[in-house]
Amino acid sequence: QVQLVEAGGRLVRAGGSLRLSCAASGRTVSSGAMGWFRQAPGKERDFVAAVSWSGGVTYYADSVKGRFTISIDNAKNTVYLQMNSLNPEDTAVYYCAADFRPHYTSTYPDEYDYWGQGTQVTVSS
């Protein structure tokens, strides 16, 4: 089993920045990918960003390209999401997810096996 624990969500003003973190435990990770997804009230869970465990492959949703950066610290089994130039449309619960299939970095939530509990990000105008 794998446990994922997110942290870093809070209330921030539009134009501000936040860094989310997601620590994985319970399994030695050597392959696969980590992803960030978000879900606003009444909406589906949307892809935000994903990174391979090697850090060599990254994907971003069009809505966050140029503003968000995903990174991974393999030594700490932790993935980060640096969010800059936040706007109210970024308000959502942010979830991290893990998938351990080798050589594959997915952008689809159904392809991730493990999920964190989520952390709330609220951007005020």
N, C-alpha and C. Protein backbone atom coordinates (compact mmCIF):
# COMPACT_ATOMS: atom_id res chain seq x y z
N GLN A 1 0.83 -1.20 0.00
CA GLN A 1 0.00 0.00 0.00
C GLN A 1 0.87 1.25 0.00
N VAL A 2 0.29 2.31 -0.51
CA VAL A 2 0.98 3.59 -0.57
C VAL A 2 0.09 4.65 0.07
N GLN A 3 0.69 5.47 0.89
CA GLN A 3 -0.03 6.59 1.47
C GLN A 3 0.53 7.89 0.88
N LEU A 4 -0.39 8.77 0.50
CA LEU A 4 -0.02 10.07 -0.04
C LEU A 4 -0.60 11.15 0.85
N VAL A 5 0.23 12.08 1.25
CA VAL A 5 -0.23 13.15 2.14
C VAL A 5 0.12 14.48 1.52
N GLU A 6 -0.92 15.25 1.18
CA GLU A 6 -0.71 16.58 0.60
C GLU A 6 -0.64 17.63 1.69
N ALA A 7 0.01 18.72 1.38
CA ALA A 7 0.08 19.86 2.29
C ALA A 7 0.31 21.12 1.48
N GLY A 8 -0.02 22.26 2.09
CA GLY A 8 0.30 23.54 1.49
C GLY A 8 -0.88 24.35 1.01
N GLY A 9 -2.06 23.77 0.98
CA GLY A 9 -3.21 24.52 0.53
C GLY A 9 -3.66 25.55 1.56
N ARG A 10 -4.10 26.69 1.09
CA ARG A 10 -4.61 27.74 1.98
C ARG A 10 -5.29 28.81 1.15
N LEU A 11 -5.76 29.84 1.82
CA LEU A 11 -6.35 30.99 1.16
C LEU A 11 -5.25 31.94 0.72
N VAL A 12 -5.34 32.37 -0.53
CA VAL A 12 -4.34 33.30 -1.08
C VAL A 12 -5.05 34.28 -2.00
N ARG A 13 -4.50 35.47 -2.13
CA ARG A 13 -5.10 36.48 -3.00
C ARG A 13 -4.69 36.23 -4.45
N ALA A 14 -5.53 36.70 -5.34
CA ALA A 14 -5.23 36.59 -6.77
C ALA A 14 -3.87 37.23 -7.06
N GLY A 15 -3.10 36.55 -7.89
CA GLY A 15 -1.76 37.01 -8.21
C GLY A 15 -0.69 36.42 -7.31
N GLY A 16 -1.10 35.77 -6.25
CA GLY A 16 -0.16 35.19 -5.30
C GLY A 16 0.35 33.83 -5.73
N SER A 17 1.15 33.24 -4.86
CA SER A 17 1.79 31.95 -5.14
C SER A 17 1.58 31.00 -3.97
N LEU A 18 1.60 29.72 -4.29
CA LEU A 18 1.56 28.66 -3.29
C LEU A 18 2.43 27.51 -3.77
N ARG A 19 2.96 26.75 -2.83
CA ARG A 19 3.63 25.51 -3.19
C ARG A 19 2.97 24.36 -2.43
N LEU A 20 2.43 23.43 -3.18
CA LEU A 20 1.85 22.23 -2.59
C LEU A 20 2.91 21.13 -2.57
N SER A 21 2.80 20.27 -1.58
CA SER A 21 3.68 19.11 -1.52
C SER A 21 2.85 17.86 -1.32
N CYS A 22 3.41 16.75 -1.74
CA CYS A 22 2.75 15.45 -1.58
C CYS A 22 3.83 14.43 -1.27
N ALA A 23 3.78 13.89 -0.06
CA ALA A 23 4.76 12.91 0.37
C ALA A 23 4.19 11.51 0.26
N ALA A 24 4.94 10.62 -0.37
CA ALA A 24 4.52 9.23 -0.52
C ALA A 24 5.27 8.36 0.47
N SER A 25 4.56 7.41 1.06
CA SER A 25 5.18 6.47 2.00
C SER A 25 4.53 5.11 1.85
N GLY A 26 5.20 4.11 2.38
CA GLY A 26 4.63 2.78 2.40
C GLY A 26 5.14 1.87 1.30
N ARG A 27 5.90 2.43 0.38
CA ARG A 27 6.41 1.62 -0.72
C ARG A 27 7.62 2.31 -1.30
N THR A 28 8.63 1.53 -1.63
CA THR A 28 9.79 2.09 -2.30
C THR A 28 9.44 2.35 -3.75
N VAL A 29 9.55 3.58 -4.13
CA VAL A 29 9.15 3.97 -5.47
C VAL A 29 10.38 4.08 -6.36
N SER A 30 10.32 3.41 -7.51
CA SER A 30 11.45 3.49 -8.43
C SER A 30 11.00 3.72 -9.86
N SER A 31 9.70 3.69 -10.09
CA SER A 31 9.21 3.92 -11.45
C SER A 31 7.78 4.43 -11.38
N GLY A 32 7.28 4.88 -12.50
CA GLY A 32 5.92 5.37 -12.56
C GLY A 32 5.86 6.87 -12.61
N ALA A 33 4.77 7.42 -12.08
CA ALA A 33 4.55 8.85 -12.18
C ALA A 33 3.71 9.35 -11.03
N MET A 34 3.79 10.66 -10.83
CA MET A 34 2.94 11.33 -9.85
C MET A 34 2.17 12.42 -10.58
N GLY A 35 0.94 12.61 -10.18
CA GLY A 35 0.12 13.63 -10.81
C GLY A 35 -0.59 14.51 -9.80
N TRP A 36 -0.93 15.70 -10.25
CA TRP A 36 -1.78 16.60 -9.48
C TRP A 36 -3.08 16.80 -10.26
N PHE A 37 -4.18 16.69 -9.55
CA PHE A 37 -5.49 16.92 -10.12
C PHE A 37 -6.23 17.89 -9.20
N ARG A 38 -7.30 18.50 -9.72
CA ARG A 38 -8.07 19.41 -8.87
C ARG A 38 -9.56 19.26 -9.18
N GLN A 39 -10.33 19.54 -8.15
CA GLN A 39 -11.77 19.43 -8.29
C GLN A 39 -12.44 20.61 -7.62
N ALA A 40 -13.15 21.39 -8.42
CA ALA A 40 -13.92 22.51 -7.90
C ALA A 40 -15.33 22.02 -7.57
N PRO A 41 -16.05 22.72 -6.71
CA PRO A 41 -17.41 22.30 -6.36
C PRO A 41 -18.30 22.14 -7.58
N GLY A 42 -18.96 21.00 -7.67
CA GLY A 42 -19.88 20.75 -8.76
C GLY A 42 -19.23 20.39 -10.09
N LYS A 43 -17.91 20.23 -10.08
CA LYS A 43 -17.20 19.92 -11.33
C LYS A 43 -16.46 18.61 -11.20
N GLU A 44 -16.03 18.10 -12.35
CA GLU A 44 -15.26 16.86 -12.36
C GLU A 44 -13.82 17.11 -11.92
N ARG A 45 -13.15 16.03 -11.59
CA ARG A 45 -11.74 16.12 -11.22
C ARG A 45 -10.91 16.29 -12.49
N ASP A 46 -10.16 17.36 -12.54
CA ASP A 46 -9.40 17.71 -13.75
C ASP A 46 -7.90 17.53 -13.55
N PHE A 47 -7.26 17.16 -14.62
CA PHE A 47 -5.80 17.05 -14.62
C PHE A 47 -5.17 18.42 -14.51
N VAL A 48 -4.09 18.50 -13.72
CA VAL A 48 -3.33 19.73 -13.59
C VAL A 48 -1.91 19.55 -14.12
N ALA A 49 -1.19 18.58 -13.58
CA ALA A 49 0.20 18.35 -13.98
C ALA A 49 0.61 16.94 -13.59
N ALA A 50 1.60 16.42 -14.28
CA ALA A 50 2.14 15.10 -13.95
C ALA A 50 3.63 15.09 -14.23
N VAL A 51 4.33 14.23 -13.50
CA VAL A 51 5.77 14.10 -13.66
C VAL A 51 6.15 12.64 -13.48
N SER A 52 7.09 12.19 -14.29
CA SER A 52 7.61 10.85 -14.12
C SER A 52 8.50 10.80 -12.88
N TRP A 53 8.66 9.61 -12.30
CA TRP A 53 9.49 9.51 -11.12
C TRP A 53 10.94 9.91 -11.41
N SER A 54 11.37 9.76 -12.61
CA SER A 54 12.72 10.19 -12.97
C SER A 54 12.81 11.71 -13.07
N GLY A 55 11.64 12.36 -13.17
CA GLY A 55 11.63 13.81 -13.34
C GLY A 55 11.84 14.25 -14.77
N GLY A 56 12.07 13.32 -15.66
CA GLY A 56 12.41 13.69 -17.02
C GLY A 56 11.22 13.98 -17.92
N VAL A 57 10.04 13.61 -17.49
CA VAL A 57 8.83 13.83 -18.29
C VAL A 57 7.83 14.62 -17.46
N THR A 58 7.33 15.70 -18.02
CA THR A 58 6.30 16.49 -17.34
C THR A 58 5.20 16.84 -18.33
N TYR A 59 4.00 16.92 -17.81
CA TYR A 59 2.85 17.35 -18.60
C TYR A 59 2.06 18.38 -17.78
N TYR A 60 1.44 19.31 -18.48
CA TYR A 60 0.64 20.33 -17.82
C TYR A 60 -0.67 20.53 -18.57
N ALA A 61 -1.71 20.84 -17.83
CA ALA A 61 -2.95 21.28 -18.44
C ALA A 61 -2.72 22.65 -19.07
N ASP A 62 -3.41 22.92 -20.17
CA ASP A 62 -3.23 24.21 -20.86
C ASP A 62 -3.51 25.38 -19.93
N SER A 63 -4.45 25.19 -19.03
CA SER A 63 -4.87 26.28 -18.16
C SER A 63 -3.81 26.69 -17.14
N VAL A 64 -2.80 25.84 -16.94
CA VAL A 64 -1.78 26.16 -15.93
C VAL A 64 -0.39 26.30 -16.52
N LYS A 65 -0.25 26.04 -17.79
CA LYS A 65 1.07 26.14 -18.43
C LYS A 65 1.64 27.54 -18.26
N GLY A 66 2.90 27.59 -17.89
CA GLY A 66 3.56 28.87 -17.69
C GLY A 66 3.35 29.47 -16.31
N ARG A 67 2.41 28.92 -15.54
CA ARG A 67 2.15 29.40 -14.18
C ARG A 67 2.51 28.38 -13.11
N PHE A 68 2.29 27.10 -13.40
CA PHE A 68 2.54 26.04 -12.44
C PHE A 68 3.77 25.24 -12.87
N THR A 69 4.48 24.74 -11.88
CA THR A 69 5.63 23.89 -12.14
C THR A 69 5.57 22.68 -11.22
N ILE A 70 5.65 21.49 -11.81
CA ILE A 70 5.68 20.26 -11.02
C ILE A 70 7.12 19.78 -10.94
N SER A 71 7.50 19.28 -9.77
CA SER A 71 8.85 18.77 -9.59
C SER A 71 8.81 17.61 -8.61
N ILE A 72 9.89 16.84 -8.58
CA ILE A 72 9.91 15.66 -7.72
C ILE A 72 11.26 15.55 -7.03
N ASP A 73 11.24 15.16 -5.78
CA ASP A 73 12.45 14.89 -5.00
C ASP A 73 12.43 13.40 -4.69
N ASN A 74 13.18 12.64 -5.45
CA ASN A 74 13.16 11.19 -5.28
C ASN A 74 13.68 10.76 -3.91
N ALA A 75 14.63 11.46 -3.39
CA ALA A 75 15.20 11.10 -2.08
C ALA A 75 14.16 11.22 -0.98
N LYS A 76 13.23 12.15 -1.14
CA LYS A 76 12.19 12.36 -0.14
C LYS A 76 10.86 11.73 -0.54
N ASN A 77 10.80 11.10 -1.70
CA ASN A 77 9.53 10.55 -2.21
C ASN A 77 8.43 11.60 -2.17
N THR A 78 8.77 12.80 -2.59
CA THR A 78 7.85 13.92 -2.50
C THR A 78 7.76 14.64 -3.84
N VAL A 79 6.53 14.99 -4.20
CA VAL A 79 6.29 15.76 -5.41
C VAL A 79 5.75 17.13 -5.01
N TYR A 80 6.13 18.15 -5.75
CA TYR A 80 5.72 19.52 -5.44
C TYR A 80 4.97 20.11 -6.61
N LEU A 81 4.11 21.05 -6.29
CA LEU A 81 3.44 21.84 -7.32
C LEU A 81 3.59 23.31 -6.94
N GLN A 82 4.46 24.00 -7.66
CA GLN A 82 4.63 25.43 -7.45
C GLN A 82 3.61 26.16 -8.31
N MET A 83 2.77 26.96 -7.66
CA MET A 83 1.68 27.64 -8.37
C MET A 83 1.88 29.15 -8.25
N ASN A 84 2.08 29.79 -9.38
CA ASN A 84 2.27 31.24 -9.43
C ASN A 84 1.12 31.90 -10.18
N SER A 85 1.02 33.20 -10.02
CA SER A 85 -0.03 33.97 -10.71
C SER A 85 -1.40 33.34 -10.56
N LEU A 86 -1.72 32.99 -9.35
CA LEU A 86 -3.00 32.32 -9.08
C LEU A 86 -4.17 33.24 -9.36
N ASN A 87 -5.25 32.67 -9.83
CA ASN A 87 -6.49 33.42 -10.06
C ASN A 87 -7.65 32.65 -9.45
N PRO A 88 -8.80 33.30 -9.29
CA PRO A 88 -9.93 32.63 -8.63
C PRO A 88 -10.35 31.32 -9.30
N GLU A 89 -10.10 31.19 -10.60
CA GLU A 89 -10.46 29.95 -11.29
C GLU A 89 -9.60 28.77 -10.86
N ASP A 90 -8.53 29.03 -10.14
CA ASP A 90 -7.68 27.96 -9.61
C ASP A 90 -8.21 27.40 -8.29
N THR A 91 -9.25 28.00 -7.76
CA THR A 91 -9.82 27.53 -6.50
C THR A 91 -10.38 26.12 -6.66
N ALA A 92 -9.92 25.21 -5.82
CA ALA A 92 -10.35 23.81 -5.90
C ALA A 92 -9.68 23.03 -4.78
N VAL A 93 -10.11 21.80 -4.62
CA VAL A 93 -9.36 20.85 -3.80
C VAL A 93 -8.34 20.20 -4.72
N TYR A 94 -7.09 20.23 -4.31
CA TYR A 94 -6.01 19.67 -5.10
C TYR A 94 -5.62 18.31 -4.53
N TYR A 95 -5.56 17.33 -5.41
CA TYR A 95 -5.22 15.97 -5.04
C TYR A 95 -3.94 15.53 -5.74
N CYS A 96 -3.10 14.80 -5.02
CA CYS A 96 -1.99 14.16 -5.71
C CYS A 96 -2.31 12.68 -5.86
N ALA A 97 -1.70 12.07 -6.85
CA ALA A 97 -1.97 10.68 -7.17
C ALA A 97 -0.69 10.01 -7.64
N ALA A 98 -0.63 8.69 -7.47
CA ALA A 98 0.55 7.92 -7.84
C ALA A 98 0.17 6.74 -8.72
N ASP A 99 1.02 6.50 -9.69
CA ASP A 99 0.86 5.35 -10.58
C ASP A 99 2.24 4.72 -10.75
N PHE A 100 2.34 3.41 -10.67
CA PHE A 100 3.65 2.77 -10.67
C PHE A 100 3.95 1.98 -11.93
N ARG A 101 3.19 2.19 -12.96
CA ARG A 101 3.55 1.53 -14.21
C ARG A 101 4.82 2.17 -14.76
N PRO A 102 5.79 1.33 -15.17
CA PRO A 102 7.06 1.88 -15.65
C PRO A 102 6.91 2.57 -17.00
N HIS A 103 7.68 3.59 -17.20
CA HIS A 103 7.79 4.27 -18.48
C HIS A 103 6.46 4.83 -18.97
N TYR A 104 5.64 5.30 -18.05
CA TYR A 104 4.34 5.83 -18.45
C TYR A 104 3.94 6.93 -17.50
N THR A 105 3.61 8.08 -18.04
CA THR A 105 3.17 9.22 -17.25
C THR A 105 1.79 9.62 -17.76
N SER A 106 0.78 9.37 -16.95
CA SER A 106 -0.59 9.56 -17.40
C SER A 106 -1.13 10.93 -17.02
N THR A 107 -2.08 11.39 -17.81
CA THR A 107 -2.82 12.61 -17.49
C THR A 107 -4.28 12.31 -17.17
N TYR A 108 -4.63 11.03 -17.07
CA TYR A 108 -6.00 10.61 -16.83
C TYR A 108 -6.16 10.13 -15.39
N PRO A 109 -7.10 10.68 -14.66
CA PRO A 109 -7.25 10.29 -13.26
C PRO A 109 -7.57 8.80 -13.08
N ASP A 110 -8.31 8.20 -14.02
CA ASP A 110 -8.67 6.79 -13.88
C ASP A 110 -7.46 5.87 -13.94
N GLU A 111 -6.34 6.37 -14.41
CA GLU A 111 -5.15 5.53 -14.55
C GLU A 111 -4.23 5.62 -13.33
N TYR A 112 -4.62 6.36 -12.34
CA TYR A 112 -3.83 6.46 -11.11
C TYR A 112 -4.46 5.58 -10.03
N ASP A 113 -3.59 4.85 -9.34
CA ASP A 113 -4.07 3.86 -8.37
C ASP A 113 -4.19 4.40 -6.94
N TYR A 114 -3.37 5.37 -6.59
CA TYR A 114 -3.33 5.85 -5.21
C TYR A 114 -3.57 7.35 -5.20
N TRP A 115 -4.32 7.78 -4.18
CA TRP A 115 -4.71 9.17 -4.07
C TRP A 115 -4.52 9.69 -2.65
N GLY A 116 -4.17 10.96 -2.56
CA GLY A 116 -4.14 11.62 -1.27
C GLY A 116 -5.53 12.09 -0.88
N GLN A 117 -5.60 12.72 0.29
CA GLN A 117 -6.88 13.16 0.82
C GLN A 117 -7.31 14.51 0.27
N GLY A 118 -6.40 15.23 -0.34
CA GLY A 118 -6.71 16.53 -0.93
C GLY A 118 -6.35 17.67 -0.01
N THR A 119 -6.05 18.81 -0.61
CA THR A 119 -5.77 20.03 0.15
C THR A 119 -6.48 21.19 -0.56
N GLN A 120 -7.15 22.02 0.22
CA GLN A 120 -7.96 23.10 -0.33
C GLN A 120 -7.11 24.30 -0.68
N VAL A 121 -7.28 24.76 -1.92
CA VAL A 121 -6.68 26.01 -2.36
C VAL A 121 -7.81 26.97 -2.71
N THR A 122 -7.80 28.11 -2.08
CA THR A 122 -8.81 29.12 -2.34
C THR A 122 -8.13 30.42 -2.73
N VAL A 123 -8.50 30.93 -3.89
CA VAL A 123 -7.90 32.16 -4.39
C VAL A 123 -8.98 33.24 -4.39
N SER A 124 -8.74 34.28 -3.64
CA SER A 124 -9.72 35.37 -3.55
C SER A 124 -9.38 36.46 -4.57
N SER A 125 -10.42 37.10 -5.05
CA SER A 125 -10.23 38.15 -6.06
C SER A 125 -9.96 39.50 -5.42
